[in-house]
């Protein structure tokens, strides 16, 4: 997209998980993204399981069940809706920190 070129947010197709994580980390830092996001493994297993293309917010509970499924992006992508859902599900919880940090996850890496 021309808008992405104009804003310098185009990347070559990543060839490793480390490259995917670096791109996700850049997104988190640039846009001050406060909701943890998962980076799919190179086999795209999460994409195949959840059909999250182009983007979609999911919450998967401790038992592996999908407990929240957002609408397809970009027009149905509303992180603030998830924040409201989380505050209702976990009343009294502190807001998510705006810092970026990497943790391993089953389908790839969670970038916070």
N, C-alpha and C. Protein backbone atom coordinates (compact mmCIF):
# COMPACT_ATOMS: atom_id res chain seq x y z
N UNK A 1 0.83 -1.19 0.00
CA UNK A 1 0.00 0.00 0.00
C UNK A 1 0.87 1.24 0.00
N UNK A 2 0.46 2.23 -0.75
CA UNK A 2 1.21 3.47 -0.82
C UNK A 2 1.33 4.14 0.55
N UNK A 3 0.24 4.12 1.33
CA UNK A 3 0.28 4.74 2.66
C UNK A 3 1.36 4.09 3.53
N UNK A 4 1.50 2.77 3.44
CA UNK A 4 2.55 2.09 4.21
C UNK A 4 3.93 2.50 3.74
N UNK A 5 4.11 2.60 2.41
CA UNK A 5 5.39 3.07 1.87
C UNK A 5 5.69 4.48 2.37
N UNK A 6 4.69 5.35 2.33
CA UNK A 6 4.87 6.74 2.75
C UNK A 6 5.27 6.84 4.23
N UNK A 7 4.77 5.92 5.05
CA UNK A 7 5.06 5.96 6.48
C UNK A 7 6.27 5.10 6.87
N UNK A 8 6.89 4.45 5.88
CA UNK A 8 8.07 3.64 6.16
C UNK A 8 7.76 2.40 6.97
N UNK A 9 6.60 1.80 6.73
CA UNK A 9 6.25 0.60 7.49
C UNK A 9 6.07 -0.62 6.60
N UNK A 10 6.85 -0.68 5.54
CA UNK A 10 6.87 -1.87 4.68
C UNK A 10 8.12 -2.67 5.02
N UNK A 11 7.98 -3.98 5.06
CA UNK A 11 9.08 -4.86 5.42
C UNK A 11 9.17 -5.96 4.37
N UNK A 12 10.37 -6.48 4.14
CA UNK A 12 10.47 -7.67 3.29
C UNK A 12 9.82 -8.85 4.01
N UNK A 13 9.35 -9.82 3.25
CA UNK A 13 8.72 -11.01 3.84
C UNK A 13 9.72 -11.67 4.79
N UNK A 14 9.37 -11.84 6.07
CA UNK A 14 10.32 -12.47 7.02
C UNK A 14 10.58 -13.92 6.66
N UNK A 15 11.83 -14.34 6.87
CA UNK A 15 12.23 -15.72 6.57
C UNK A 15 12.55 -16.51 7.84
N UNK A 16 12.41 -15.85 9.00
CA UNK A 16 12.67 -16.53 10.27
C UNK A 16 11.73 -15.97 11.34
N UNK A 17 11.57 -16.73 12.41
CA UNK A 17 10.75 -16.26 13.52
C UNK A 17 11.35 -15.00 14.14
N UNK A 18 12.66 -14.95 14.22
CA UNK A 18 13.32 -13.76 14.77
C UNK A 18 12.96 -12.51 13.96
N UNK A 19 12.90 -12.64 12.63
CA UNK A 19 12.52 -11.49 11.80
C UNK A 19 11.06 -11.11 12.04
N UNK A 20 10.18 -12.10 12.18
CA UNK A 20 8.77 -11.80 12.47
C UNK A 20 8.64 -11.07 13.80
N UNK A 21 9.37 -11.54 14.80
CA UNK A 21 9.31 -10.91 16.12
C UNK A 21 9.85 -9.49 16.06
N UNK A 22 10.90 -9.27 15.30
CA UNK A 22 11.46 -7.92 15.16
C UNK A 22 10.45 -6.97 14.52
N UNK A 23 9.73 -7.43 13.50
CA UNK A 23 8.71 -6.59 12.85
C UNK A 23 7.58 -6.30 13.83
N UNK A 24 7.13 -7.31 14.58
CA UNK A 24 6.07 -7.10 15.57
C UNK A 24 6.53 -6.14 16.66
N UNK A 25 7.77 -6.29 17.09
CA UNK A 25 8.32 -5.38 18.10
C UNK A 25 8.37 -3.95 17.60
N UNK A 26 8.72 -3.76 16.34
CA UNK A 26 8.73 -2.43 15.75
C UNK A 26 7.33 -1.83 15.78
N UNK A 27 6.33 -2.64 15.42
CA UNK A 27 4.94 -2.19 15.46
C UNK A 27 4.55 -1.76 16.88
N UNK A 28 4.87 -2.59 17.87
CA UNK A 28 4.53 -2.29 19.27
C UNK A 28 5.16 -0.97 19.70
N UNK A 29 6.43 -0.78 19.37
CA UNK A 29 7.13 0.46 19.77
C UNK A 29 6.60 1.68 19.02
N UNK A 30 6.46 1.57 17.71
CA UNK A 30 6.02 2.71 16.90
C UNK A 30 4.64 3.22 17.27
N UNK A 31 3.74 2.29 17.50
CA UNK A 31 2.34 2.66 17.69
C UNK A 31 1.90 2.56 19.14
N UNK A 32 2.88 2.37 20.05
CA UNK A 32 2.60 2.33 21.50
C UNK A 32 1.47 1.35 21.79
N UNK A 33 1.56 0.18 21.18
CA UNK A 33 0.53 -0.85 21.28
C UNK A 33 0.60 -1.49 22.65
N UNK A 34 -0.51 -1.46 23.38
CA UNK A 34 -0.51 -1.90 24.77
C UNK A 34 -1.07 -3.30 24.98
N UNK A 35 -1.65 -3.90 23.97
CA UNK A 35 -2.23 -5.23 24.12
C UNK A 35 -1.22 -6.26 23.62
N UNK A 36 -0.89 -7.28 24.42
CA UNK A 36 0.04 -8.31 23.93
C UNK A 36 -0.48 -8.92 22.63
N UNK A 37 0.41 -9.21 21.72
CA UNK A 37 0.00 -9.84 20.48
C UNK A 37 0.88 -11.06 20.22
N UNK A 38 0.34 -12.03 19.54
CA UNK A 38 1.09 -13.25 19.24
C UNK A 38 1.65 -13.18 17.84
N UNK A 39 2.86 -13.67 17.69
CA UNK A 39 3.49 -13.78 16.39
C UNK A 39 3.48 -15.27 16.04
N UNK A 40 2.85 -15.58 14.94
CA UNK A 40 2.71 -16.97 14.52
C UNK A 40 4.07 -17.59 14.21
N UNK A 41 4.19 -18.89 14.45
CA UNK A 41 5.41 -19.62 14.08
C UNK A 41 5.52 -19.63 12.56
N UNK A 42 6.68 -20.01 12.07
CA UNK A 42 6.92 -19.97 10.63
C UNK A 42 6.04 -20.94 9.85
N UNK A 43 5.45 -21.93 10.50
CA UNK A 43 4.54 -22.84 9.80
C UNK A 43 3.12 -22.28 9.72
N UNK A 44 2.91 -21.07 10.27
CA UNK A 44 1.62 -20.37 10.23
C UNK A 44 0.48 -21.20 10.84
N UNK A 45 0.81 -21.96 11.88
CA UNK A 45 -0.17 -22.84 12.52
C UNK A 45 -1.36 -22.06 13.09
N UNK A 46 -1.12 -20.95 13.77
CA UNK A 46 -2.23 -20.17 14.34
C UNK A 46 -3.13 -19.63 13.24
N UNK A 47 -2.55 -19.18 12.16
CA UNK A 47 -3.35 -18.69 11.03
C UNK A 47 -4.24 -19.80 10.49
N UNK A 48 -3.67 -20.99 10.36
CA UNK A 48 -4.46 -22.12 9.85
C UNK A 48 -5.57 -22.51 10.81
N UNK A 49 -5.31 -22.45 12.12
CA UNK A 49 -6.30 -22.84 13.12
C UNK A 49 -7.41 -21.81 13.31
N UNK A 50 -7.04 -20.52 13.28
CA UNK A 50 -7.99 -19.48 13.66
C UNK A 50 -8.44 -18.59 12.50
N UNK A 51 -7.84 -18.73 11.35
CA UNK A 51 -8.25 -17.91 10.20
C UNK A 51 -8.22 -16.42 10.53
N UNK A 52 -7.12 -15.96 11.08
CA UNK A 52 -7.03 -14.60 11.59
C UNK A 52 -6.58 -13.58 10.57
N UNK A 53 -6.53 -13.95 9.29
CA UNK A 53 -6.05 -13.02 8.29
C UNK A 53 -7.16 -12.05 7.90
N UNK A 54 -6.96 -10.75 7.72
CA UNK A 54 -5.67 -10.09 7.82
C UNK A 54 -5.25 -9.84 9.26
N UNK A 55 -6.18 -9.58 10.14
CA UNK A 55 -5.87 -9.53 11.57
C UNK A 55 -7.17 -9.71 12.34
N UNK A 56 -7.02 -10.26 13.50
CA UNK A 56 -8.18 -10.49 14.36
C UNK A 56 -7.64 -10.66 15.77
N UNK A 57 -8.38 -10.19 16.75
CA UNK A 57 -7.99 -10.35 18.14
C UNK A 57 -8.72 -11.57 18.71
N UNK A 58 -7.95 -12.46 19.32
CA UNK A 58 -8.49 -13.60 20.04
C UNK A 58 -7.97 -13.58 21.46
N UNK A 59 -8.78 -14.08 22.39
CA UNK A 59 -8.30 -14.39 23.74
C UNK A 59 -8.52 -15.88 23.91
N UNK A 60 -7.45 -16.56 24.27
CA UNK A 60 -7.50 -17.99 24.50
C UNK A 60 -7.20 -18.22 25.97
N UNK A 61 -8.13 -18.88 26.67
CA UNK A 61 -7.96 -19.04 28.12
C UNK A 61 -6.95 -20.14 28.45
N UNK A 62 -6.77 -20.33 29.74
CA UNK A 62 -5.78 -21.29 30.23
C UNK A 62 -6.06 -22.71 29.76
N UNK A 63 -7.32 -23.02 29.46
CA UNK A 63 -7.68 -24.34 28.99
C UNK A 63 -7.60 -24.50 27.48
N UNK A 64 -7.14 -23.45 26.78
CA UNK A 64 -7.01 -23.50 25.33
C UNK A 64 -8.29 -23.18 24.58
N UNK A 65 -9.31 -22.68 25.27
CA UNK A 65 -10.58 -22.34 24.63
C UNK A 65 -10.57 -20.87 24.18
N UNK A 66 -11.15 -20.63 23.02
CA UNK A 66 -11.32 -19.25 22.55
C UNK A 66 -12.47 -18.65 23.35
N UNK A 67 -12.16 -17.60 24.13
CA UNK A 67 -13.19 -16.97 24.96
C UNK A 67 -13.55 -15.57 24.46
N UNK A 68 -12.78 -15.07 23.53
CA UNK A 68 -13.09 -13.78 22.89
C UNK A 68 -12.59 -13.86 21.46
N UNK A 69 -13.45 -13.46 20.52
CA UNK A 69 -13.06 -13.43 19.11
C UNK A 69 -13.53 -12.10 18.54
N UNK A 70 -12.57 -11.24 18.20
CA UNK A 70 -12.91 -9.95 17.61
C UNK A 70 -13.29 -10.10 16.15
N UNK A 71 -13.74 -9.00 15.59
CA UNK A 71 -14.12 -8.99 14.17
C UNK A 71 -12.87 -8.86 13.30
N UNK A 72 -13.01 -9.19 12.02
CA UNK A 72 -11.89 -9.09 11.08
C UNK A 72 -11.45 -7.64 10.90
N UNK A 73 -10.15 -7.43 10.84
CA UNK A 73 -9.61 -6.13 10.54
C UNK A 73 -9.53 -5.93 9.04
N UNK A 74 -9.18 -4.77 8.61
CA UNK A 74 -8.83 -3.65 9.47
C UNK A 74 -10.04 -2.87 9.98
N UNK A 75 -11.20 -2.97 9.34
CA UNK A 75 -12.32 -2.12 9.73
C UNK A 75 -13.05 -2.63 10.97
N UNK A 76 -12.97 -3.92 11.24
CA UNK A 76 -13.59 -4.47 12.44
C UNK A 76 -12.62 -4.65 13.58
N UNK A 77 -11.41 -4.14 13.41
CA UNK A 77 -10.33 -4.30 14.39
C UNK A 77 -10.42 -3.18 15.42
N UNK A 78 -10.86 -3.51 16.65
CA UNK A 78 -11.06 -2.50 17.68
C UNK A 78 -10.43 -2.97 19.00
N UNK A 79 -9.14 -2.70 19.21
CA UNK A 79 -8.48 -3.14 20.44
C UNK A 79 -9.16 -2.61 21.70
N UNK A 80 -9.77 -1.44 21.61
CA UNK A 80 -10.43 -0.88 22.79
C UNK A 80 -11.61 -1.74 23.23
N UNK A 81 -12.23 -2.45 22.29
CA UNK A 81 -13.31 -3.37 22.61
C UNK A 81 -12.77 -4.52 23.47
N UNK A 82 -11.60 -5.02 23.13
CA UNK A 82 -10.97 -6.07 23.92
C UNK A 82 -10.63 -5.55 25.30
N UNK A 83 -10.11 -4.35 25.38
CA UNK A 83 -9.74 -3.79 26.68
C UNK A 83 -10.97 -3.73 27.60
N UNK A 84 -12.11 -3.32 27.04
CA UNK A 84 -13.37 -3.29 27.81
C UNK A 84 -13.75 -4.70 28.23
N UNK A 85 -13.66 -5.66 27.31
CA UNK A 85 -14.00 -7.05 27.62
C UNK A 85 -13.12 -7.58 28.75
N UNK A 86 -11.81 -7.31 28.66
CA UNK A 86 -10.88 -7.78 29.68
C UNK A 86 -11.16 -7.15 31.04
N UNK A 87 -11.49 -5.86 31.05
CA UNK A 87 -11.77 -5.20 32.34
C UNK A 87 -13.02 -5.76 32.99
N UNK A 88 -13.98 -6.22 32.18
CA UNK A 88 -15.17 -6.87 32.74
C UNK A 88 -14.86 -8.29 33.22
N UNK A 89 -14.03 -8.98 32.47
CA UNK A 89 -13.69 -10.35 32.84
C UNK A 89 -12.79 -10.40 34.06
N UNK A 90 -11.91 -9.41 34.19
CA UNK A 90 -10.95 -9.36 35.30
C UNK A 90 -11.05 -8.01 36.01
N UNK A 91 -12.16 -7.77 36.71
CA UNK A 91 -12.33 -6.47 37.38
C UNK A 91 -11.21 -6.23 38.39
N UNK A 92 -10.77 -4.99 38.45
CA UNK A 92 -9.72 -4.61 39.39
C UNK A 92 -8.31 -4.88 38.91
N UNK A 93 -8.15 -5.47 37.74
CA UNK A 93 -6.81 -5.74 37.20
C UNK A 93 -6.17 -4.45 36.73
N UNK A 94 -4.86 -4.41 36.84
CA UNK A 94 -4.12 -3.23 36.37
C UNK A 94 -4.13 -3.21 34.86
N UNK A 95 -4.10 -2.02 34.25
CA UNK A 95 -4.00 -1.95 32.78
C UNK A 95 -2.69 -2.55 32.31
N UNK A 96 -2.67 -3.00 31.06
CA UNK A 96 -1.47 -3.59 30.50
C UNK A 96 -0.37 -2.54 30.35
N UNK A 97 0.89 -2.92 30.63
CA UNK A 97 1.98 -1.96 30.45
C UNK A 97 2.24 -1.68 28.98
N UNK A 98 2.77 -0.50 28.70
CA UNK A 98 3.04 -0.12 27.32
C UNK A 98 4.41 -0.58 26.85
N UNK A 99 5.15 -1.26 27.70
CA UNK A 99 6.49 -1.69 27.32
C UNK A 99 6.43 -2.93 26.46
N UNK A 100 7.45 -3.12 25.64
CA UNK A 100 7.51 -4.30 24.77
C UNK A 100 8.45 -5.32 25.39
N UNK A 101 8.01 -6.59 25.37
CA UNK A 101 8.81 -7.67 25.91
C UNK A 101 8.42 -8.96 25.19
N UNK A 102 9.34 -9.89 25.03
CA UNK A 102 9.05 -11.14 24.32
C UNK A 102 8.92 -12.30 25.29
N UNK A 103 7.90 -13.14 25.09
CA UNK A 103 7.71 -14.39 25.82
C UNK A 103 7.43 -15.48 24.80
N UNK A 104 7.80 -16.71 25.10
CA UNK A 104 7.47 -17.79 24.18
C UNK A 104 6.02 -18.17 24.36
N UNK A 105 5.39 -18.66 23.30
CA UNK A 105 4.00 -19.10 23.32
C UNK A 105 3.87 -20.34 22.45
N UNK A 106 2.78 -21.06 22.61
CA UNK A 106 2.60 -22.32 21.89
C UNK A 106 2.67 -22.15 20.38
N UNK A 107 2.04 -21.12 19.84
CA UNK A 107 1.99 -20.97 18.39
C UNK A 107 3.07 -20.05 17.85
N UNK A 108 3.89 -19.50 18.70
CA UNK A 108 4.92 -18.58 18.24
C UNK A 108 5.45 -17.78 19.40
N UNK A 109 5.39 -16.48 19.31
CA UNK A 109 5.93 -15.60 20.33
C UNK A 109 4.89 -14.54 20.66
N UNK A 110 4.76 -14.24 21.94
CA UNK A 110 3.90 -13.14 22.36
C UNK A 110 4.77 -11.91 22.52
N UNK A 111 4.41 -10.84 21.87
CA UNK A 111 5.14 -9.58 21.96
C UNK A 111 4.32 -8.63 22.81
N UNK A 112 4.91 -8.15 23.89
CA UNK A 112 4.18 -7.23 24.78
C UNK A 112 4.84 -5.89 24.79
